[in-house]
Amino acid sequence: ISENRWRKYVEILQRYLDHNQLLRPQASQLAGRLNWACNALFGRCGRAFLSPILARSWNREARPELNQDLVTALTWWKQWLSAPRADLSRFVPAAPWRFTSPALSY
């Protein structure tokens, strides 16, 4: 994954966090991008943090505002993508709602 793409994903995540909303089509697109990044870097590890994003994309009645699970997942992804690559590992905490800081584990 290129540095430009890496930076772009961090900017996208920050924009959603700043605006405090994520629409269904945006959630679907974001989940696809993050899933691709996940597979390109370390395989299927870290997919638990995609669950709240995917749940938003599937829920036709969801409000656009971010809930706590989405904030936690988006923050984790942002911190993980912002970390130096040398500091990343394949370890992922079992549950995305148990946010660890800094989220350098993957």
PDB file of N, CA and C in Angstrom:
ATOM      1  N   ILE A   1       0.867  -1.175   0.000  1.00  0.00           N
ATOM      2  CA  ILE A   1       0.000   0.000   0.000  1.00  0.00           C
ATOM      3  C   ILE A   1       0.912   1.235   0.000  1.00  0.00           C
ATOM      4  N   SER A   2       0.616   2.165  -0.865  1.00  0.00           N
ATOM      5  CA  SER A   2       1.470   3.340  -1.019  1.00  0.00           C
ATOM      6  C   SER A   2       1.258   4.344   0.114  1.00  0.00           C
ATOM      7  N   GLU A   3       2.242   5.193   0.295  1.00  0.00           N
ATOM      8  CA  GLU A   3       2.139   6.232   1.327  1.00  0.00           C
ATOM      9  C   GLU A   3       0.984   7.182   1.039  1.00  0.00           C
ATOM     10  N   ASN A   4       0.758   7.496  -0.232  1.00  0.00           N
ATOM     11  CA  ASN A   4      -0.357   8.391  -0.587  1.00  0.00           C
ATOM     12  C   ASN A   4      -1.701   7.785  -0.221  1.00  0.00           C
ATOM     13  N   ARG A   5      -1.869   6.519  -0.518  1.00  0.00           N
ATOM     14  CA  ARG A   5      -3.127   5.844  -0.182  1.00  0.00           C
ATOM     15  C   ARG A   5      -3.281   5.754   1.332  1.00  0.00           C
ATOM     16  N   TRP A   6      -2.189   5.434   2.002  1.00  0.00           N
ATOM     17  CA  TRP A   6      -2.174   5.350   3.461  1.00  0.00           C
ATOM     18  C   TRP A   6      -2.646   6.681   4.044  1.00  0.00           C
ATOM     19  N   ARG A   7      -2.062   7.779   3.576  1.00  0.00           N
ATOM     20  CA  ARG A   7      -2.413   9.125   4.052  1.00  0.00           C
ATOM     21  C   ARG A   7      -3.863   9.471   3.715  1.00  0.00           C
ATOM     22  N   LYS A   8      -4.308   9.092   2.526  1.00  0.00           N
ATOM     23  CA  LYS A   8      -5.683   9.368   2.094  1.00  0.00           C
ATOM     24  C   LYS A   8      -6.687   8.685   3.021  1.00  0.00           C
ATOM     25  N   TYR A   9      -6.424   7.442   3.396  1.00  0.00           N
ATOM     26  CA  TYR A   9      -7.324   6.726   4.296  1.00  0.00           C
ATOM     27  C   TYR A   9      -7.401   7.401   5.656  1.00  0.00           C
ATOM     28  N   VAL A  10      -6.256   7.882   6.160  1.00  0.00           N
ATOM     29  CA  VAL A  10      -6.248   8.589   7.445  1.00  0.00           C
ATOM     30  C   VAL A  10      -7.077   9.862   7.339  1.00  0.00           C
ATOM     31  N   GLU A  11      -6.945  10.597   6.239  1.00  0.00           N
ATOM     32  CA  GLU A  11      -7.717  11.826   6.043  1.00  0.00           C
ATOM     33  C   GLU A  11      -9.215  11.542   5.964  1.00  0.00           C
ATOM     34  N   ILE A  12      -9.586  10.472   5.280  1.00  0.00           N
ATOM     35  CA  ILE A  12     -10.999  10.099   5.173  1.00  0.00           C
ATOM     36  C   ILE A  12     -11.566   9.765   6.549  1.00  0.00           C
ATOM     37  N   LEU A  13     -10.833   8.969   7.315  1.00  0.00           N
ATOM     38  CA  LEU A  13     -11.285   8.608   8.660  1.00  0.00           C
ATOM     39  C   LEU A  13     -11.428   9.836   9.549  1.00  0.00           C
ATOM     40  N   GLN A  14     -10.463  10.750   9.465  1.00  0.00           N
ATOM     41  CA  GLN A  14     -10.528  11.960  10.273  1.00  0.00           C
ATOM     42  C   GLN A  14     -11.716  12.819   9.878  1.00  0.00           C
ATOM     43  N   ARG A  15     -12.022  12.880   8.596  1.00  0.00           N
ATOM     44  CA  ARG A  15     -13.168  13.667   8.130  1.00  0.00           C
ATOM     45  C   ARG A  15     -14.468  13.121   8.711  1.00  0.00           C
ATOM     46  N   TYR A  16     -14.638  11.802   8.705  1.00  0.00           N
ATOM     47  CA  TYR A  16     -15.854  11.214   9.279  1.00  0.00           C
ATOM     48  C   TYR A  16     -15.932  11.480  10.778  1.00  0.00           C
ATOM     49  N   LEU A  17     -14.805  11.390  11.470  1.00  0.00           N
ATOM     50  CA  LEU A  17     -14.795  11.666  12.904  1.00  0.00           C
ATOM     51  C   LEU A  17     -15.092  13.139  13.189  1.00  0.00           C
ATOM     52  N   ASP A  18     -14.539  14.036  12.385  1.00  0.00           N
ATOM     53  CA  ASP A  18     -14.774  15.473  12.579  1.00  0.00           C
ATOM     54  C   ASP A  18     -16.229  15.855  12.342  1.00  0.00           C
ATOM     55  N   HIS A  19     -16.834  15.268  11.304  1.00  0.00           N
ATOM     56  CA  HIS A  19     -18.224  15.582  10.976  1.00  0.00           C
ATOM     57  C   HIS A  19     -19.216  14.781  11.809  1.00  0.00           C
ATOM     58  N   ASN A  20     -18.720  13.750  12.505  1.00  0.00           N
ATOM     59  CA  ASN A  20     -19.539  12.902  13.373  1.00  0.00           C
ATOM     60  C   ASN A  20     -20.709  12.259  12.637  1.00  0.00           C
ATOM     61  N   GLN A  21     -20.469  11.904  11.381  1.00  0.00           N
ATOM     62  CA  GLN A  21     -21.502  11.150  10.671  1.00  0.00           C
ATOM     63  C   GLN A  21     -20.895  10.305   9.569  1.00  0.00           C
ATOM     64  N   LEU A  22     -21.601   9.207   9.294  1.00  0.00           N
ATOM     65  CA  LEU A  22     -21.185   8.258   8.272  1.00  0.00           C
ATOM     66  C   LEU A  22     -22.458   7.678   7.660  1.00  0.00           C
ATOM     67  N   LEU A  23     -22.697   7.996   6.415  1.00  0.00           N
ATOM     68  CA  LEU A  23     -23.881   7.495   5.717  1.00  0.00           C
ATOM     69  C   LEU A  23     -23.653   6.065   5.249  1.00  0.00           C
ATOM     70  N   ARG A  24     -24.727   5.373   4.940  1.00  0.00           N
ATOM     71  CA  ARG A  24     -24.633   3.974   4.519  1.00  0.00           C
ATOM     72  C   ARG A  24     -23.718   3.776   3.317  1.00  0.00           C
ATOM     73  N   PRO A  25     -23.858   4.559   2.230  1.00  0.00           N
ATOM     74  CA  PRO A  25     -22.957   4.341   1.084  1.00  0.00           C
ATOM     75  C   PRO A  25     -21.492   4.623   1.431  1.00  0.00           C
ATOM     76  N   GLN A  26     -21.282   5.621   2.264  1.00  0.00           N
ATOM     77  CA  GLN A  26     -19.915   5.937   2.693  1.00  0.00           C
ATOM     78  C   GLN A  26     -19.342   4.800   3.537  1.00  0.00           C
ATOM     79  N   ALA A  27     -20.168   4.233   4.398  1.00  0.00           N
ATOM     80  CA  ALA A  27     -19.731   3.118   5.239  1.00  0.00           C
ATOM     81  C   ALA A  27     -19.348   1.918   4.392  1.00  0.00           C
ATOM     82  N   SER A  28     -20.141   1.644   3.376  1.00  0.00           N
ATOM     83  CA  SER A  28     -19.848   0.522   2.489  1.00  0.00           C
ATOM     84  C   SER A  28     -18.530   0.736   1.753  1.00  0.00           C
ATOM     85  N   GLN A  29     -18.330   1.931   1.235  1.00  0.00           N
ATOM     86  CA  GLN A  29     -17.096   2.238   0.518  1.00  0.00           C
ATOM     87  C   GLN A  29     -15.889   2.193   1.462  1.00  0.00           C
ATOM     88  N   LEU A  30     -16.046   2.748   2.643  1.00  0.00           N
ATOM     89  CA  LEU A  30     -14.960   2.748   3.615  1.00  0.00           C
ATOM     90  C   LEU A  30     -14.602   1.326   4.039  1.00  0.00           C
ATOM     91  N   ALA A  31     -15.606   0.496   4.274  1.00  0.00           N
ATOM     92  CA  ALA A  31     -15.351  -0.895   4.659  1.00  0.00           C
ATOM     93  C   ALA A  31     -14.582  -1.619   3.564  1.00  0.00           C
ATOM     94  N   GLY A  32     -14.928  -1.371   2.319  1.00  0.00           N
ATOM     95  CA  GLY A  32     -14.205  -1.991   1.211  1.00  0.00           C
ATOM     96  C   GLY A  32     -12.758  -1.552   1.161  1.00  0.00           C
ATOM     97  N   ARG A  33     -12.521  -0.260   1.348  1.00  0.00           N
ATOM     98  CA  ARG A  33     -11.153   0.259   1.335  1.00  0.00           C
ATOM     99  C   ARG A  33     -10.333  -0.316   2.482  1.00  0.00           C
ATOM    100  N   LEU A  34     -10.907  -0.309   3.685  1.00  0.00           N
ATOM    101  CA  LEU A  34     -10.174  -0.811   4.837  1.00  0.00           C
ATOM    102  C   LEU A  34      -9.956  -2.319   4.757  1.00  0.00           C
ATOM    103  N   ASN A  35     -10.918  -3.052   4.234  1.00  0.00           N
ATOM    104  CA  ASN A  35     -10.765  -4.489   4.050  1.00  0.00           C
ATOM    105  C   ASN A  35      -9.639  -4.770   3.071  1.00  0.00           C
ATOM    106  N   TRP A  36      -9.581  -3.997   1.987  1.00  0.00           N
ATOM    107  CA  TRP A  36      -8.514  -4.162   1.010  1.00  0.00           C
ATOM    108  C   TRP A  36      -7.162  -3.877   1.651  1.00  0.00           C
ATOM    109  N   ALA A  37      -7.076  -2.775   2.421  1.00  0.00           N
ATOM    110  CA  ALA A  37      -5.819  -2.423   3.082  1.00  0.00           C
ATOM    111  C   ALA A  37      -5.406  -3.522   4.056  1.00  0.00           C
ATOM    112  N   CYS A  38      -6.378  -4.041   4.763  1.00  0.00           N
ATOM    113  CA  CYS A  38      -6.133  -5.115   5.734  1.00  0.00           C
ATOM    114  C   CYS A  38      -5.557  -6.342   5.027  1.00  0.00           C
ATOM    115  N   ASN A  39      -6.178  -6.740   3.935  1.00  0.00           N
ATOM    116  CA  ASN A  39      -5.716  -7.912   3.191  1.00  0.00           C
ATOM    117  C   ASN A  39      -4.374  -7.666   2.525  1.00  0.00           C
ATOM    118  N   ALA A  40      -4.159  -6.455   2.028  1.00  0.00           N
ATOM    119  CA  ALA A  40      -2.908  -6.137   1.344  1.00  0.00           C
ATOM    120  C   ALA A  40      -1.723  -6.147   2.302  1.00  0.00           C
ATOM    121  N   LEU A  41      -1.975  -5.796   3.557  1.00  0.00           N
ATOM    122  CA  LEU A  41      -0.868  -5.681   4.503  1.00  0.00           C
ATOM    123  C   LEU A  41      -0.632  -6.953   5.306  1.00  0.00           C
ATOM    124  N   PHE A  42      -1.667  -7.488   5.934  1.00  0.00           N
ATOM    125  CA  PHE A  42      -1.466  -8.583   6.873  1.00  0.00           C
ATOM    126  C   PHE A  42      -2.476  -9.715   6.743  1.00  0.00           C
ATOM    127  N   GLY A  43      -3.206  -9.790   5.695  1.00  0.00           N
ATOM    128  CA  GLY A  43      -4.205 -10.844   5.588  1.00  0.00           C
ATOM    129  C   GLY A  43      -5.496 -10.444   6.260  1.00  0.00           C
ATOM    130  N   ARG A  44      -6.157 -11.389   6.880  1.00  0.00           N
ATOM    131  CA  ARG A  44      -7.497 -11.137   7.413  1.00  0.00           C
ATOM    132  C   ARG A  44      -7.496 -10.613   8.839  1.00  0.00           C
ATOM    133  N   CYS A  45      -6.365 -10.414   9.435  1.00  0.00           N
ATOM    134  CA  CYS A  45      -6.295  -9.900  10.811  1.00  0.00           C
ATOM    135  C   CYS A  45      -6.893  -8.501  10.888  1.00  0.00           C
ATOM    136  N   GLY A  46      -7.569  -8.198  11.956  1.00  0.00           N
ATOM    137  CA  GLY A  46      -8.115  -6.864  12.176  1.00  0.00           C
ATOM    138  C   GLY A  46      -9.508  -6.645  11.645  1.00  0.00           C
ATOM    139  N   ARG A  47     -10.115  -7.685  11.116  1.00  0.00           N
ATOM    140  CA  ARG A  47     -11.441  -7.522  10.534  1.00  0.00           C
ATOM    141  C   ARG A  47     -12.512  -7.251  11.572  1.00  0.00           C
ATOM    142  N   ALA A  48     -12.239  -7.532  12.839  1.00  0.00           N
ATOM    143  CA  ALA A  48     -13.221  -7.246  13.887  1.00  0.00           C
ATOM    144  C   ALA A  48     -13.524  -5.756  13.956  1.00  0.00           C
ATOM    145  N   PHE A  49     -12.557  -4.939  13.603  1.00  0.00           N
ATOM    146  CA  PHE A  49     -12.759  -3.493  13.635  1.00  0.00           C
ATOM    147  C   PHE A  49     -13.540  -2.992  12.433  1.00  0.00           C
ATOM    148  N   LEU A  50     -13.829  -3.878  11.493  1.00  0.00           N
ATOM    149  CA  LEU A  50     -14.700  -3.529  10.370  1.00  0.00           C
ATOM    150  C   LEU A  50     -16.172  -3.768  10.702  1.00  0.00           C
ATOM    151  N   SER A  51     -16.443  -4.545  11.730  1.00  0.00           N
ATOM    152  CA  SER A  51     -17.832  -4.916  12.051  1.00  0.00           C
ATOM    153  C   SER A  51     -18.770  -3.731  12.242  1.00  0.00           C
ATOM    154  N   PRO A  52     -18.410  -2.718  13.040  1.00  0.00           N
ATOM    155  CA  PRO A  52     -19.334  -1.586  13.195  1.00  0.00           C
ATOM    156  C   PRO A  52     -19.552  -0.816  11.893  1.00  0.00           C
ATOM    157  N   ILE A  53     -18.516  -0.751  11.060  1.00  0.00           N
ATOM    158  CA  ILE A  53     -18.629  -0.048   9.774  1.00  0.00           C
ATOM    159  C   ILE A  53     -19.543  -0.829   8.845  1.00  0.00           C
ATOM    160  N   LEU A  54     -19.372  -2.141   8.793  1.00  0.00           N
ATOM    161  CA  LEU A  54     -20.242  -2.978   7.962  1.00  0.00           C
ATOM    162  C   LEU A  54     -21.676  -2.961   8.466  1.00  0.00           C
ATOM    163  N   ALA A  55     -21.846  -2.961   9.786  1.00  0.00           N
ATOM    164  CA  ALA A  55     -23.199  -2.913  10.353  1.00  0.00           C
ATOM    165  C   ALA A  55     -23.905  -1.637   9.918  1.00  0.00           C
ATOM    166  N   ARG A  56     -23.190  -0.527   9.881  1.00  0.00           N
ATOM    167  CA  ARG A  56     -23.787   0.733   9.419  1.00  0.00           C
ATOM    168  C   ARG A  56     -24.180   0.636   7.951  1.00  0.00           C
ATOM    169  N   SER A  57     -23.348   0.008   7.145  1.00  0.00           N
ATOM    170  CA  SER A  57     -23.658  -0.075   5.713  1.00  0.00           C
ATOM    171  C   SER A  57     -24.869  -0.964   5.440  1.00  0.00           C
ATOM    172  N   TRP A  58     -25.150  -1.929   6.312  1.00  0.00           N
ATOM    173  CA  TRP A  58     -26.279  -2.838   6.112  1.00  0.00           C
ATOM    174  C   TRP A  58     -27.579  -2.312   6.708  1.00  0.00           C
ATOM    175  N   ASN A  59     -27.499  -1.443   7.692  1.00  0.00           N
ATOM    176  CA  ASN A  59     -28.679  -0.993   8.422  1.00  0.00           C
ATOM    177  C   ASN A  59     -29.394   0.128   7.664  1.00  0.00           C
ATOM    178  N   ARG A  60     -30.556  -0.188   7.106  1.00  0.00           N
ATOM    179  CA  ARG A  60     -31.301   0.798   6.327  1.00  0.00           C
ATOM    180  C   ARG A  60     -31.937   1.889   7.186  1.00  0.00           C
ATOM    181  N   GLU A  61     -32.059   1.648   8.473  1.00  0.00           N
ATOM    182  CA  GLU A  61     -32.706   2.610   9.367  1.00  0.00           C
ATOM    183  C   GLU A  61     -31.718   3.361  10.248  1.00  0.00           C
ATOM    184  N   ALA A  62     -30.434   3.223   9.977  1.00  0.00           N
ATOM    185  CA  ALA A  62     -29.427   3.869  10.819  1.00  0.00           C
ATOM    186  C   ALA A  62     -29.408   5.374  10.595  1.00  0.00           C
ATOM    187  N   ARG A  63     -29.248   6.103  11.677  1.00  0.00           N
ATOM    188  CA  ARG A  63     -29.069   7.553  11.578  1.00  0.00           C
ATOM    189  C   ARG A  63     -27.635   7.809  11.110  1.00  0.00           C
ATOM    190  N   PRO A  64     -27.394   8.949  10.469  1.00  0.00           N
ATOM    191  CA  PRO A  64     -26.038   9.209   9.979  1.00  0.00           C
ATOM    192  C   PRO A  64     -25.014   9.513  11.073  1.00  0.00           C
ATOM    193  N   GLU A  65     -25.474   9.886  12.276  1.00  0.00           N
ATOM    194  CA  GLU A  65     -24.543  10.204  13.349  1.00  0.00           C
ATOM    195  C   GLU A  65     -23.772   8.952  13.777  1.00  0.00           C
ATOM    196  N   LEU A  66     -22.541   9.161  14.200  1.00  0.00           N
ATOM    197  CA  LEU A  66     -21.709   8.056  14.652  1.00  0.00           C
ATOM    198  C   LEU A  66     -22.138   7.598  16.036  1.00  0.00           C
ATOM    199  N   ASN A  67     -22.237   6.292  16.223  1.00  0.00           N
ATOM    200  CA  ASN A  67     -22.469   5.751  17.561  1.00  0.00           C
ATOM    201  C   ASN A  67     -21.117   5.419  18.190  1.00  0.00           C
ATOM    202  N   GLN A  68     -21.118   4.986  19.426  1.00  0.00           N
ATOM    203  CA  GLN A  68     -19.865   4.748  20.140  1.00  0.00           C
ATOM    204  C   GLN A  68     -19.026   3.660  19.484  1.00  0.00           C
ATOM    205  N   ASP A  69     -19.654   2.599  18.984  1.00  0.00           N
ATOM    206  CA  ASP A  69     -18.900   1.532  18.318  1.00  0.00           C
ATOM    207  C   ASP A  69     -18.195   2.050  17.070  1.00  0.00           C
ATOM    208  N   LEU A  70     -18.881   2.897  16.304  1.00  0.00           N
ATOM    209  CA  LEU A  70     -18.262   3.460  15.105  1.00  0.00           C
ATOM    210  C   LEU A  70     -17.121   4.405  15.454  1.00  0.00           C
ATOM    211  N   VAL A  71     -17.315   5.239  16.455  1.00  0.00           N
ATOM    212  CA  VAL A  71     -16.242   6.152  16.872  1.00  0.00           C
ATOM    213  C   VAL A  71     -15.009   5.357  17.284  1.00  0.00           C
ATOM    214  N   THR A  72     -15.224   4.307  18.051  1.00  0.00           N
ATOM    215  CA  THR A  72     -14.116   3.471  18.505  1.00  0.00           C
ATOM    216  C   THR A  72     -13.413   2.812  17.333  1.00  0.00           C
ATOM    217  N   ALA A  73     -14.174   2.236  16.408  1.00  0.00           N
ATOM    218  CA  ALA A  73     -13.578   1.560  15.260  1.00  0.00           C
ATOM    219  C   ALA A  73     -12.845   2.545  14.354  1.00  0.00           C
ATOM    220  N   LEU A  74     -13.455   3.680  14.054  1.00  0.00           N
ATOM    221  CA  LEU A  74     -12.813   4.666  13.186  1.00  0.00           C
ATOM    222  C   LEU A  74     -11.551   5.226  13.832  1.00  0.00           C
ATOM    223  N   THR A  75     -11.590   5.444  15.133  1.00  0.00           N
ATOM    224  CA  THR A  75     -10.413   5.941  15.843  1.00  0.00           C
ATOM    225  C   THR A  75      -9.295   4.908  15.822  1.00  0.00           C
ATOM    226  N   TRP A  76      -9.657   3.638  16.028  1.00  0.00           N
ATOM    227  CA  TRP A  76      -8.648   2.582  15.988  1.00  0.00           C
ATOM    228  C   TRP A  76      -7.995   2.524  14.617  1.00  0.00           C
ATOM    229  N   TRP A  77      -8.803   2.520  13.572  1.00  0.00           N
ATOM    230  CA  TRP A  77      -8.252   2.470  12.212  1.00  0.00           C
ATOM    231  C   TRP A  77      -7.370   3.681  11.936  1.00  0.00           C
ATOM    232  N   LYS A  78      -7.799   4.851  12.371  1.00  0.00           N
ATOM    233  CA  LYS A  78      -7.011   6.063  12.142  1.00  0.00           C
ATOM    234  C   LYS A  78      -5.668   5.968  12.852  1.00  0.00           C
ATOM    235  N   GLN A  79      -5.671   5.538  14.095  1.00  0.00           N
ATOM    236  CA  GLN A  79      -4.418   5.414  14.828  1.00  0.00           C
ATOM    237  C   GLN A  79      -3.534   4.319  14.238  1.00  0.00           C
ATOM    238  N   TRP A  80      -4.158   3.223  13.848  1.00  0.00           N
ATOM    239  CA  TRP A  80      -3.379   2.135  13.268  1.00  0.00           C
ATOM    240  C   TRP A  80      -2.726   2.581  11.964  1.00  0.00           C
ATOM    241  N   LEU A  81      -3.460   3.262  11.105  1.00  0.00           N
ATOM    242  CA  LEU A  81      -2.910   3.722   9.830  1.00  0.00           C
ATOM    243  C   LEU A  81      -1.932   4.880  10.012  1.00  0.00           C
ATOM    244  N   SER A  82      -2.013   5.591  11.133  1.00  0.00           N
ATOM    245  CA  SER A  82      -1.099   6.699  11.403  1.00  0.00           C
ATOM    246  C   SER A  82       0.215   6.225  12.022  1.00  0.00           C
ATOM    247  N   ALA A  83       0.245   5.013  12.520  1.00  0.00           N
ATOM    248  CA  ALA A  83       1.432   4.488  13.192  1.00  0.00           C
ATOM    249  C   ALA A  83       2.521   4.167  12.162  1.00  0.00           C
ATOM    250  N   PRO A  84       3.786   4.292  12.578  1.00  0.00           N
ATOM    251  CA  PRO A  84       4.875   3.862  11.684  1.00  0.00           C
ATOM    252  C   PRO A  84       4.728   2.378  11.369  1.00  0.00           C
ATOM    253  N   ARG A  85       4.962   2.025  10.149  1.00  0.00           N
ATOM    254  CA  ARG A  85       4.759   0.629   9.743  1.00  0.00           C
ATOM    255  C   ARG A  85       5.610  -0.341  10.545  1.00  0.00           C
ATOM    256  N   ALA A  86       6.805   0.088  10.949  1.00  0.00           N
ATOM    257  CA  ALA A  86       7.682  -0.799  11.714  1.00  0.00           C
ATOM    258  C   ALA A  86       7.087  -1.148  13.077  1.00  0.00           C
ATOM    259  N   ASP A  87       6.190  -0.308  13.585  1.00  0.00           N
ATOM    260  CA  ASP A  87       5.584  -0.540  14.901  1.00  0.00           C
ATOM    261  C   ASP A  87       4.346  -1.425  14.847  1.00  0.00           C
ATOM    262  N   LEU A  88       3.875  -1.747  13.671  1.00  0.00           N
ATOM    263  CA  LEU A  88       2.652  -2.533  13.543  1.00  0.00           C
ATOM    264  C   LEU A  88       2.948  -4.015  13.726  1.00  0.00           C
ATOM    265  N   SER A  89       2.002  -4.706  14.332  1.00  0.00           N
ATOM    266  CA  SER A  89       2.109  -6.153  14.483  1.00  0.00           C
ATOM    267  C   SER A  89       0.794  -6.778  14.051  1.00  0.00           C
ATOM    268  N   ARG A  90       0.754  -8.093  14.023  1.00  0.00           N
ATOM    269  CA  ARG A  90      -0.455  -8.787  13.592  1.00  0.00           C
ATOM    270  C   ARG A  90      -1.436  -9.009  14.726  1.00  0.00           C
ATOM    271  N   PHE A  91      -1.087  -8.658  15.948  1.00  0.00           N
ATOM    272  CA  PHE A  91      -1.983  -8.882  17.092  1.00  0.00           C
ATOM    273  C   PHE A  91      -3.130  -7.885  17.054  1.00  0.00           C
ATOM    274  N   VAL A  92      -4.347  -8.397  17.195  1.00  0.00           N
ATOM    275  CA  VAL A  92      -5.537  -7.546  17.246  1.00  0.00           C
ATOM    276  C   VAL A  92      -6.297  -7.889  18.510  1.00  0.00           C
ATOM    277  N   PRO A  93      -6.637  -6.880  19.340  1.00  0.00           N
ATOM    278  CA  PRO A  93      -7.473  -7.177  20.501  1.00  0.00           C
ATOM    279  C   PRO A  93      -8.781  -7.828  20.050  1.00  0.00           C
ATOM    280  N   ALA A  94      -9.325  -8.697  20.869  1.00  0.00           N
ATOM    281  CA  ALA A  94     -10.483  -9.500  20.484  1.00  0.00           C
ATOM    282  C   ALA A  94     -11.717  -8.675  20.162  1.00  0.00           C
ATOM    283  N   ALA A  95     -11.933  -7.569  20.848  1.00  0.00           N
ATOM    284  CA  ALA A  95     -13.168  -6.810  20.662  1.00  0.00           C
ATOM    285  C   ALA A  95     -12.856  -5.347  20.350  1.00  0.00           C
ATOM    286  N   PRO A  96     -13.436  -4.801  19.282  1.00  0.00           N
ATOM    287  CA  PRO A  96     -13.142  -3.416  18.937  1.00  0.00           C
ATOM    288  C   PRO A  96     -13.625  -2.408  19.964  1.00  0.00           C
ATOM    289  N   TRP A  97     -14.588  -2.759  20.791  1.00  0.00           N
ATOM    290  CA  TRP A  97     -15.082  -1.789  21.760  1.00  0.00           C
ATOM    291  C   TRP A  97     -14.135  -1.668  22.955  1.00  0.00           C
ATOM    292  N   ARG A  98     -13.151  -2.529  23.034  1.00  0.00           N
ATOM    293  CA  ARG A  98     -12.121  -2.412  24.069  1.00  0.00           C
ATOM    294  C   ARG A  98     -10.921  -1.720  23.457  1.00  0.00           C
ATOM    295  N   PHE A  99     -11.037  -0.442  23.330  1.00  0.00           N
ATOM    296  CA  PHE A  99     -10.059   0.387  22.644  1.00  0.00           C
ATOM    297  C   PHE A  99      -8.782   0.507  23.459  1.00  0.00           C
ATOM    298  N   THR A 100      -7.658   0.235  22.827  1.00  0.00           N
ATOM    299  CA  THR A 100      -6.365   0.401  23.482  1.00  0.00           C
ATOM    300  C   THR A 100      -5.632   1.550  22.839  1.00  0.00           C
ATOM    301  N   SER A 101      -4.938   2.304  23.616  1.00  0.00           N
ATOM    302  CA  SER A 101      -4.222   3.459  23.083  1.00  0.00           C
ATOM    303  C   SER A 101      -2.761   3.356  23.466  1.00  0.00           C
ATOM    304  N   PRO A 102      -1.850   3.559  22.568  1.00  0.00           N
ATOM    305  CA  PRO A 102      -2.082   3.723  21.145  1.00  0.00           C
ATOM    306  C   PRO A 102      -2.379   2.387  20.484  1.00  0.00           C
ATOM    307  N   ALA A 103      -3.146   2.424  19.445  1.00  0.00           N
ATOM    308  CA  ALA A 103      -3.581   1.200  18.767  1.00  0.00           C
ATOM    309  C   ALA A 103      -2.556   0.795  17.738  1.00  0.00           C
ATOM    310  N   LEU A 104      -1.431   0.335  18.201  1.00  0.00           N
ATOM    311  CA  LEU A 104      -0.373  -0.078  17.298  1.00  0.00           C
ATOM    312  C   LEU A 104      -0.419  -1.566  17.029  1.00  0.00           C
ATOM    313  N   SER A 105      -1.314  -2.260  17.674  1.00  0.00           N
ATOM    314  CA  SER A 105      -1.420  -3.697  17.446  1.00  0.00           C
ATOM    315  C   SER A 105      -2.391  -3.945  16.304  1.00  0.00           C
ATOM    316  N   TYR A 106      -2.046  -4.867  15.455  1.00  0.00           N
ATOM    317  CA  TYR A 106      -2.928  -5.227  14.349  1.00  0.00           C
ATOM    318  C   TYR A 106      -3.030  -6.687  14.223  1.00  0.00           C
TER     319      TYR A 106
END
